[in-house]
């Protein structure tokens, strides 16, 4: 039987961390003046590369942590703190500013690998999230669910990339700010839950 609560938590976590709505205006800025066909190709490459990186970390992230002697509860606490900092950035609009700075740092004609795939789609937050979520529900079923949800979020990302200019006009600067703040609040609550789960697994809190 599918764990609905886990599905919702995983989807909200990945959606908030990757933040397709926040990435859409940056995609417009990075592909300004690019023909529509080339813009589609950039969107496909960025989402595909981002997905491959997240699949690798979902499959081998916990094994790598074990190899270097980091327990899953420790990573869960660290990941929760990292996601909480990301949430603070979203709430106070520092994240958008930093992403804009990262997008300006590239002189490449094709921004699909950098900065779109790395670090905007598969950054520290999304990498930490896939490792945390696969650790939360070990086994093939958990891994399949996390990868399916990640793929779904990246599909949303791809659709928003293609419709980014329309979305930007529809929401406006104020609308995007409101959505970002709401997502930041959700991510803050989820990150605290990750920290509490990690402390509980350490035996520092009652079950």
C-alpha atoms as a PDB file:
ATOM      1  CA  UNK A   1       0.000   0.000   0.000  1.00  0.00           C
ATOM      2  CA  UNK A   2       1.373   3.435  -0.979  1.00  0.00           C
ATOM      3  CA  UNK A   3       2.281   5.713   1.932  1.00  0.00           C
ATOM      4  CA  UNK A   4       0.282   8.860   1.061  1.00  0.00           C
ATOM      5  CA  UNK A   5       1.792  10.941   3.891  1.00  0.00           C
ATOM      6  CA  UNK A   6       5.315  10.154   2.628  1.00  0.00           C
ATOM      7  CA  UNK A   7       4.305  10.992  -0.962  1.00  0.00           C
ATOM      8  CA  UNK A   8       2.954  14.391   0.083  1.00  0.00           C
ATOM      9  CA  UNK A   9       5.995  15.162   2.275  1.00  0.00           C
ATOM     10  CA  UNK A  10       8.411  14.114  -0.481  1.00  0.00           C
ATOM     11  CA  UNK A  11       6.592  16.109  -3.171  1.00  0.00           C
ATOM     12  CA  UNK A  12       6.345  19.267  -1.048  1.00  0.00           C
ATOM     13  CA  UNK A  13      10.008  18.969   0.003  1.00  0.00           C
ATOM     14  CA  UNK A  14      11.339  18.514  -3.547  1.00  0.00           C
ATOM     15  CA  UNK A  15       8.993  21.139  -5.014  1.00  0.00           C
ATOM     16  CA  UNK A  16       9.932  23.735  -2.410  1.00  0.00           C
ATOM     17  CA  UNK A  17      13.681  23.029  -2.565  1.00  0.00           C
ATOM     18  CA  UNK A  18      13.951  22.955  -6.373  1.00  0.00           C
ATOM     19  CA  UNK A  19      11.410  25.822  -6.565  1.00  0.00           C
ATOM     20  CA  UNK A  20      10.295  25.632 -10.238  1.00  0.00           C
ATOM     21  CA  UNK A  21       8.266  28.858  -9.855  1.00  0.00           C
ATOM     22  CA  UNK A  22      11.320  30.752  -8.626  1.00  0.00           C
ATOM     23  CA  UNK A  23      13.501  29.294 -11.404  1.00  0.00           C
ATOM     24  CA  UNK A  24      11.125  30.300 -14.224  1.00  0.00           C
ATOM     25  CA  UNK A  25      12.033  34.043 -14.261  1.00  0.00           C
ATOM     26  CA  UNK A  26      15.747  33.156 -14.113  1.00  0.00           C
ATOM     27  CA  UNK A  27      15.288  30.850 -17.100  1.00  0.00           C
ATOM     28  CA  UNK A  28      13.773  33.793 -18.995  1.00  0.00           C
ATOM     29  CA  UNK A  29      16.761  35.980 -18.067  1.00  0.00           C
ATOM     30  CA  UNK A  30      19.304  33.296 -19.037  1.00  0.00           C
ATOM     31  CA  UNK A  31      17.668  32.569 -22.413  1.00  0.00           C
ATOM     32  CA  UNK A  32      16.813  36.119 -23.419  1.00  0.00           C
ATOM     33  CA  UNK A  33      16.903  36.523 -27.180  1.00  0.00           C
ATOM     34  CA  UNK A  34      17.344  32.761 -27.731  1.00  0.00           C
ATOM     35  CA  UNK A  35      15.107  31.231 -30.457  1.00  0.00           C
ATOM     36  CA  UNK A  36      12.164  29.154 -29.158  1.00  0.00           C
ATOM     37  CA  UNK A  37      13.549  25.844 -30.478  1.00  0.00           C
ATOM     38  CA  UNK A  38      16.933  26.392 -28.791  1.00  0.00           C
ATOM     39  CA  UNK A  39      15.192  27.508 -25.587  1.00  0.00           C
ATOM     40  CA  UNK A  40      13.298  24.171 -25.520  1.00  0.00           C
ATOM     41  CA  UNK A  41      16.559  22.256 -26.017  1.00  0.00           C
ATOM     42  CA  UNK A  42      18.179  24.154 -23.110  1.00  0.00           C
ATOM     43  CA  UNK A  43      15.172  23.343 -20.880  1.00  0.00           C
ATOM     44  CA  UNK A  44      15.367  19.616 -21.793  1.00  0.00           C
ATOM     45  CA  UNK A  45      19.130  19.433 -21.150  1.00  0.00           C
ATOM     46  CA  UNK A  46      18.954  21.341 -17.841  1.00  0.00           C
ATOM     47  CA  UNK A  47      16.161  19.129 -16.441  1.00  0.00           C
ATOM     48  CA  UNK A  48      17.742  15.883 -17.723  1.00  0.00           C
ATOM     49  CA  UNK A  49      21.201  16.659 -16.260  1.00  0.00           C
ATOM     50  CA  UNK A  50      19.631  17.794 -12.974  1.00  0.00           C
ATOM     51  CA  UNK A  51      17.644  14.526 -12.808  1.00  0.00           C
ATOM     52  CA  UNK A  52      20.737  12.367 -13.499  1.00  0.00           C
ATOM     53  CA  UNK A  53      22.682  14.081 -10.685  1.00  0.00           C
ATOM     54  CA  UNK A  54      19.802  13.600  -8.226  1.00  0.00           C
ATOM     55  CA  UNK A  55      19.389   9.920  -9.264  1.00  0.00           C
ATOM     56  CA  UNK A  56      23.108   9.311  -8.547  1.00  0.00           C
ATOM     57  CA  UNK A  57      22.799  10.841  -5.069  1.00  0.00           C
ATOM     58  CA  UNK A  58      19.530   9.005  -4.344  1.00  0.00           C
ATOM     59  CA  UNK A  59      21.199   5.682  -5.276  1.00  0.00           C
ATOM     60  CA  UNK A  60      24.655   6.134  -3.747  1.00  0.00           C
ATOM     61  CA  UNK A  61      24.381   9.082  -1.353  1.00  0.00           C
ATOM     62  CA  UNK A  62      23.813   6.990   1.785  1.00  0.00           C
ATOM     63  CA  UNK A  63      26.568   4.513   0.823  1.00  0.00           C
ATOM     64  CA  UNK A  64      29.035   7.399   0.379  1.00  0.00           C
ATOM     65  CA  UNK A  65      28.009   8.807   3.785  1.00  0.00           C
ATOM     66  CA  UNK A  66      28.523   5.385   5.387  1.00  0.00           C
ATOM     67  CA  UNK A  67      31.953   5.068   3.730  1.00  0.00           C
ATOM     68  CA  UNK A  68      33.146   8.355   5.257  1.00  0.00           C
ATOM     69  CA  UNK A  69      31.573   7.520   8.641  1.00  0.00           C
ATOM     70  CA  UNK A  70      28.539   9.822   8.712  1.00  0.00           C
ATOM     71  CA  UNK A  71      25.366   8.263  10.119  1.00  0.00           C
ATOM     72  CA  UNK A  72      21.974   8.879   8.524  1.00  0.00           C
ATOM     73  CA  UNK A  73      20.565  10.592  11.653  1.00  0.00           C
ATOM     74  CA  UNK A  74      23.552  12.995  11.651  1.00  0.00           C
ATOM     75  CA  UNK A  75      22.992  13.762   7.980  1.00  0.00           C
ATOM     76  CA  UNK A  76      19.254  14.191   8.630  1.00  0.00           C
ATOM     77  CA  UNK A  77      19.977  16.837  11.303  1.00  0.00           C
ATOM     78  CA  UNK A  78      22.570  18.583   9.095  1.00  0.00           C
ATOM     79  CA  UNK A  79      20.246  18.425   6.074  1.00  0.00           C
ATOM     80  CA  UNK A  80      17.369  19.824   8.147  1.00  0.00           C
ATOM     81  CA  UNK A  81      19.533  22.760   9.254  1.00  0.00           C
ATOM     82  CA  UNK A  82      20.626  23.375   5.644  1.00  0.00           C
ATOM     83  CA  UNK A  83      17.001  23.326   4.442  1.00  0.00           C
ATOM     84  CA  UNK A  84      16.022  25.676   7.286  1.00  0.00           C
ATOM     85  CA  UNK A  85      18.687  28.167   6.131  1.00  0.00           C
ATOM     86  CA  UNK A  86      17.297  27.840   2.585  1.00  0.00           C
ATOM     87  CA  UNK A  87      13.807  28.563   3.984  1.00  0.00           C
ATOM     88  CA  UNK A  88      15.103  31.698   5.747  1.00  0.00           C
ATOM     89  CA  UNK A  89      16.658  32.844   2.470  1.00  0.00           C
ATOM     90  CA  UNK A  90      13.297  32.356   0.724  1.00  0.00           C
ATOM     91  CA  UNK A  91      11.372  34.187   3.450  1.00  0.00           C
ATOM     92  CA  UNK A  92      13.723  37.173   3.343  1.00  0.00           C
ATOM     93  CA  UNK A  93      14.280  37.054  -0.471  1.00  0.00           C
ATOM     94  CA  UNK A  94      18.031  36.411  -0.163  1.00  0.00           C
ATOM     95  CA  UNK A  95      17.729  33.173  -2.175  1.00  0.00           C
ATOM     96  CA  UNK A  96      16.350  34.909  -5.286  1.00  0.00           C
ATOM     97  CA  UNK A  97      19.138  37.497  -5.133  1.00  0.00           C
ATOM     98  CA  UNK A  98      21.808  34.788  -4.810  1.00  0.00           C
ATOM     99  CA  UNK A  99      20.330  32.774  -7.686  1.00  0.00           C
ATOM    100  CA  UNK A 100      20.307  35.907  -9.844  1.00  0.00           C
ATOM    101  CA  UNK A 101      23.978  36.478  -8.979  1.00  0.00           C
ATOM    102  CA  UNK A 102      24.771  32.852  -9.904  1.00  0.00           C
ATOM    103  CA  UNK A 103      22.960  33.245 -13.215  1.00  0.00           C
ATOM    104  CA  UNK A 104      24.971  36.392 -13.976  1.00  0.00           C
ATOM    105  CA  UNK A 105      28.251  34.593 -13.259  1.00  0.00           C
ATOM    106  CA  UNK A 106      28.077  32.609 -16.491  1.00  0.00           C
ATOM    107  CA  UNK A 107      29.485  33.741 -19.829  1.00  0.00           C
ATOM    108  CA  UNK A 108      28.492  30.480 -21.557  1.00  0.00           C
ATOM    109  CA  UNK A 109      26.155  30.619 -24.537  1.00  0.00           C
ATOM    110  CA  UNK A 110      24.398  27.475 -23.287  1.00  0.00           C
ATOM    111  CA  UNK A 111      23.320  27.840 -19.629  1.00  0.00           C
ATOM    112  CA  UNK A 112      21.773  24.335 -19.427  1.00  0.00           C
ATOM    113  CA  UNK A 113      24.620  22.731 -17.399  1.00  0.00           C
ATOM    114  CA  UNK A 114      25.746  25.795 -15.454  1.00  0.00           C
ATOM    115  CA  UNK A 115      23.986  27.505 -13.795  1.00  0.00           C
ATOM    116  CA  UNK A 116      20.614  25.808 -14.559  1.00  0.00           C
ATOM    117  CA  UNK A 117      21.335  22.098 -13.878  1.00  0.00           C
ATOM    118  CA  UNK A 118      24.086  22.891 -11.340  1.00  0.00           C
ATOM    119  CA  UNK A 119      23.542  24.545  -8.887  1.00  0.00           C
ATOM    120  CA  UNK A 120      20.022  25.883  -9.511  1.00  0.00           C
ATOM    121  CA  UNK A 121      18.189  22.538 -10.013  1.00  0.00           C
ATOM    122  CA  UNK A 122      20.551  20.035  -8.361  1.00  0.00           C
ATOM    123  CA  UNK A 123      22.071  22.211  -5.662  1.00  0.00           C
ATOM    124  CA  UNK A 124      23.001  21.339  -2.057  1.00  0.00           C
ATOM    125  CA  UNK A 125      19.362  21.583  -0.911  1.00  0.00           C
ATOM    126  CA  UNK A 126      17.918  19.178  -3.489  1.00  0.00           C
ATOM    127  CA  UNK A 127      20.855  16.741  -3.123  1.00  0.00           C
ATOM    128  CA  UNK A 128      20.417  16.728   0.680  1.00  0.00           C
ATOM    129  CA  UNK A 129      16.656  16.245   0.220  1.00  0.00           C
ATOM    130  CA  UNK A 130      16.888  13.138  -2.011  1.00  0.00           C
ATOM    131  CA  UNK A 131      19.371  11.531   0.397  1.00  0.00           C
ATOM    132  CA  UNK A 132      17.171  12.388   3.394  1.00  0.00           C
ATOM    133  CA  UNK A 133      13.976  11.137   1.743  1.00  0.00           C
ATOM    134  CA  UNK A 134      15.499   7.840   0.550  1.00  0.00           C
ATOM    135  CA  UNK A 135      16.901   7.356   4.066  1.00  0.00           C
ATOM    136  CA  UNK A 136      13.486   8.056   5.567  1.00  0.00           C
ATOM    137  CA  UNK A 137      11.927   5.203   3.551  1.00  0.00           C
ATOM    138  CA  UNK A 138      14.672   2.647   2.834  1.00  0.00           C
ATOM    139  CA  UNK A 139      14.271  -0.054   0.214  1.00  0.00           C
ATOM    140  CA  UNK A 140      13.371  -0.267  -3.461  1.00  0.00           C
ATOM    141  CA  UNK A 141       9.851   1.105  -2.955  1.00  0.00           C
ATOM    142  CA  UNK A 142      11.094   4.221  -1.136  1.00  0.00           C
ATOM    143  CA  UNK A 143      13.776   4.831  -3.757  1.00  0.00           C
ATOM    144  CA  UNK A 144      11.258   4.410  -6.608  1.00  0.00           C
ATOM    145  CA  UNK A 145       8.806   6.834  -4.942  1.00  0.00           C
ATOM    146  CA  UNK A 146      11.481   9.489  -4.338  1.00  0.00           C
ATOM    147  CA  UNK A 147      12.781   9.237  -7.913  1.00  0.00           C
ATOM    148  CA  UNK A 148       9.236   9.322  -9.354  1.00  0.00           C
ATOM    149  CA  UNK A 149       8.385  12.424  -7.301  1.00  0.00           C
ATOM    150  CA  UNK A 150      11.684  14.096  -8.259  1.00  0.00           C
ATOM    151  CA  UNK A 151      10.934  13.354 -11.934  1.00  0.00           C
ATOM    152  CA  UNK A 152       7.430  14.809 -11.504  1.00  0.00           C
ATOM    153  CA  UNK A 153       8.828  18.022  -9.967  1.00  0.00           C
ATOM    154  CA  UNK A 154      11.348  18.319 -12.811  1.00  0.00           C
ATOM    155  CA  UNK A 155       8.502  17.823 -15.324  1.00  0.00           C
ATOM    156  CA  UNK A 156       6.709  20.749 -13.645  1.00  0.00           C
ATOM    157  CA  UNK A 157      10.001  22.651 -13.859  1.00  0.00           C
ATOM    158  CA  UNK A 158      10.264  21.878 -17.589  1.00  0.00           C
ATOM    159  CA  UNK A 159       6.677  22.991 -18.286  1.00  0.00           C
ATOM    160  CA  UNK A 160       7.237  26.226 -16.336  1.00  0.00           C
ATOM    161  CA  UNK A 161      10.496  26.829 -18.223  1.00  0.00           C
ATOM    162  CA  UNK A 162       8.560  26.630 -21.497  1.00  0.00           C
ATOM    163  CA  UNK A 163       5.785  28.879 -20.142  1.00  0.00           C
ATOM    164  CA  UNK A 164       8.088  31.047 -18.002  1.00  0.00           C
ATOM    165  CA  UNK A 165       7.537  34.334 -19.805  1.00  0.00           C
ATOM    166  CA  UNK A 166       3.716  33.870 -19.596  1.00  0.00           C
ATOM    167  CA  UNK A 167       3.966  32.916 -15.910  1.00  0.00           C
ATOM    168  CA  UNK A 168       6.119  35.932 -15.098  1.00  0.00           C
ATOM    169  CA  UNK A 169       3.577  38.265 -16.722  1.00  0.00           C
ATOM    170  CA  UNK A 170       0.615  36.490 -15.033  1.00  0.00           C
ATOM    171  CA  UNK A 171       2.001  36.472 -11.483  1.00  0.00           C
ATOM    172  CA  UNK A 172       3.973  39.691 -11.637  1.00  0.00           C
ATOM    173  CA  UNK A 173       6.812  40.516  -9.244  1.00  0.00           C
ATOM    174  CA  UNK A 174       4.420  40.684  -6.244  1.00  0.00           C
ATOM    175  CA  UNK A 175       2.813  37.307  -7.067  1.00  0.00           C
ATOM    176  CA  UNK A 176       6.183  35.559  -7.341  1.00  0.00           C
ATOM    177  CA  UNK A 177       7.268  37.123  -4.014  1.00  0.00           C
ATOM    178  CA  UNK A 178       4.080  35.902  -2.269  1.00  0.00           C
ATOM    179  CA  UNK A 179       4.469  32.333  -3.655  1.00  0.00           C
ATOM    180  CA  UNK A 180       8.157  32.254  -2.639  1.00  0.00           C
ATOM    181  CA  UNK A 181       7.320  33.356   0.925  1.00  0.00           C
ATOM    182  CA  UNK A 182       4.591  30.690   1.264  1.00  0.00           C
ATOM    183  CA  UNK A 183       6.955  27.977   0.001  1.00  0.00           C
ATOM    184  CA  UNK A 184       9.592  29.251   2.447  1.00  0.00           C
ATOM    185  CA  UNK A 185       7.190  28.777   5.384  1.00  0.00           C
ATOM    186  CA  UNK A 186       6.428  25.198   4.278  1.00  0.00           C
ATOM    187  CA  UNK A 187      10.114  24.390   3.879  1.00  0.00           C
ATOM    188  CA  UNK A 188      10.920  25.810   7.346  1.00  0.00           C
ATOM    189  CA  UNK A 189       8.340  23.457   8.934  1.00  0.00           C
ATOM    190  CA  UNK A 190       9.606  20.451   6.947  1.00  0.00           C
ATOM    191  CA  UNK A 191      13.242  21.185   7.837  1.00  0.00           C
ATOM    192  CA  UNK A 192      12.403  21.304  11.566  1.00  0.00           C
ATOM    193  CA  UNK A 193      10.683  17.904  11.137  1.00  0.00           C
ATOM    194  CA  UNK A 194      13.883  16.477   9.579  1.00  0.00           C
ATOM    195  CA  UNK A 195      15.943  17.720  12.565  1.00  0.00           C
ATOM    196  CA  UNK A 196      13.428  16.246  15.061  1.00  0.00           C
ATOM    197  CA  UNK A 197      13.484  12.883  13.195  1.00  0.00           C
ATOM    198  CA  UNK A 198      17.295  12.862  13.294  1.00  0.00           C
ATOM    199  CA  UNK A 199      17.384  13.638  17.042  1.00  0.00           C
ATOM    200  CA  UNK A 200      14.766  10.918  17.654  1.00  0.00           C
ATOM    201  CA  UNK A 201      16.900   8.381  15.752  1.00  0.00           C
ATOM    202  CA  UNK A 202      19.881   9.385  17.918  1.00  0.00           C
ATOM    203  CA  UNK A 203      17.724   8.597  20.961  1.00  0.00           C
ATOM    204  CA  UNK A 204      17.912  12.209  22.158  1.00  0.00           C
ATOM    205  CA  UNK A 205      14.124  12.584  21.977  1.00  0.00           C
ATOM    206  CA  UNK A 206      11.264  10.249  22.936  1.00  0.00           C
ATOM    207  CA  UNK A 207       9.635   8.361  20.047  1.00  0.00           C
END
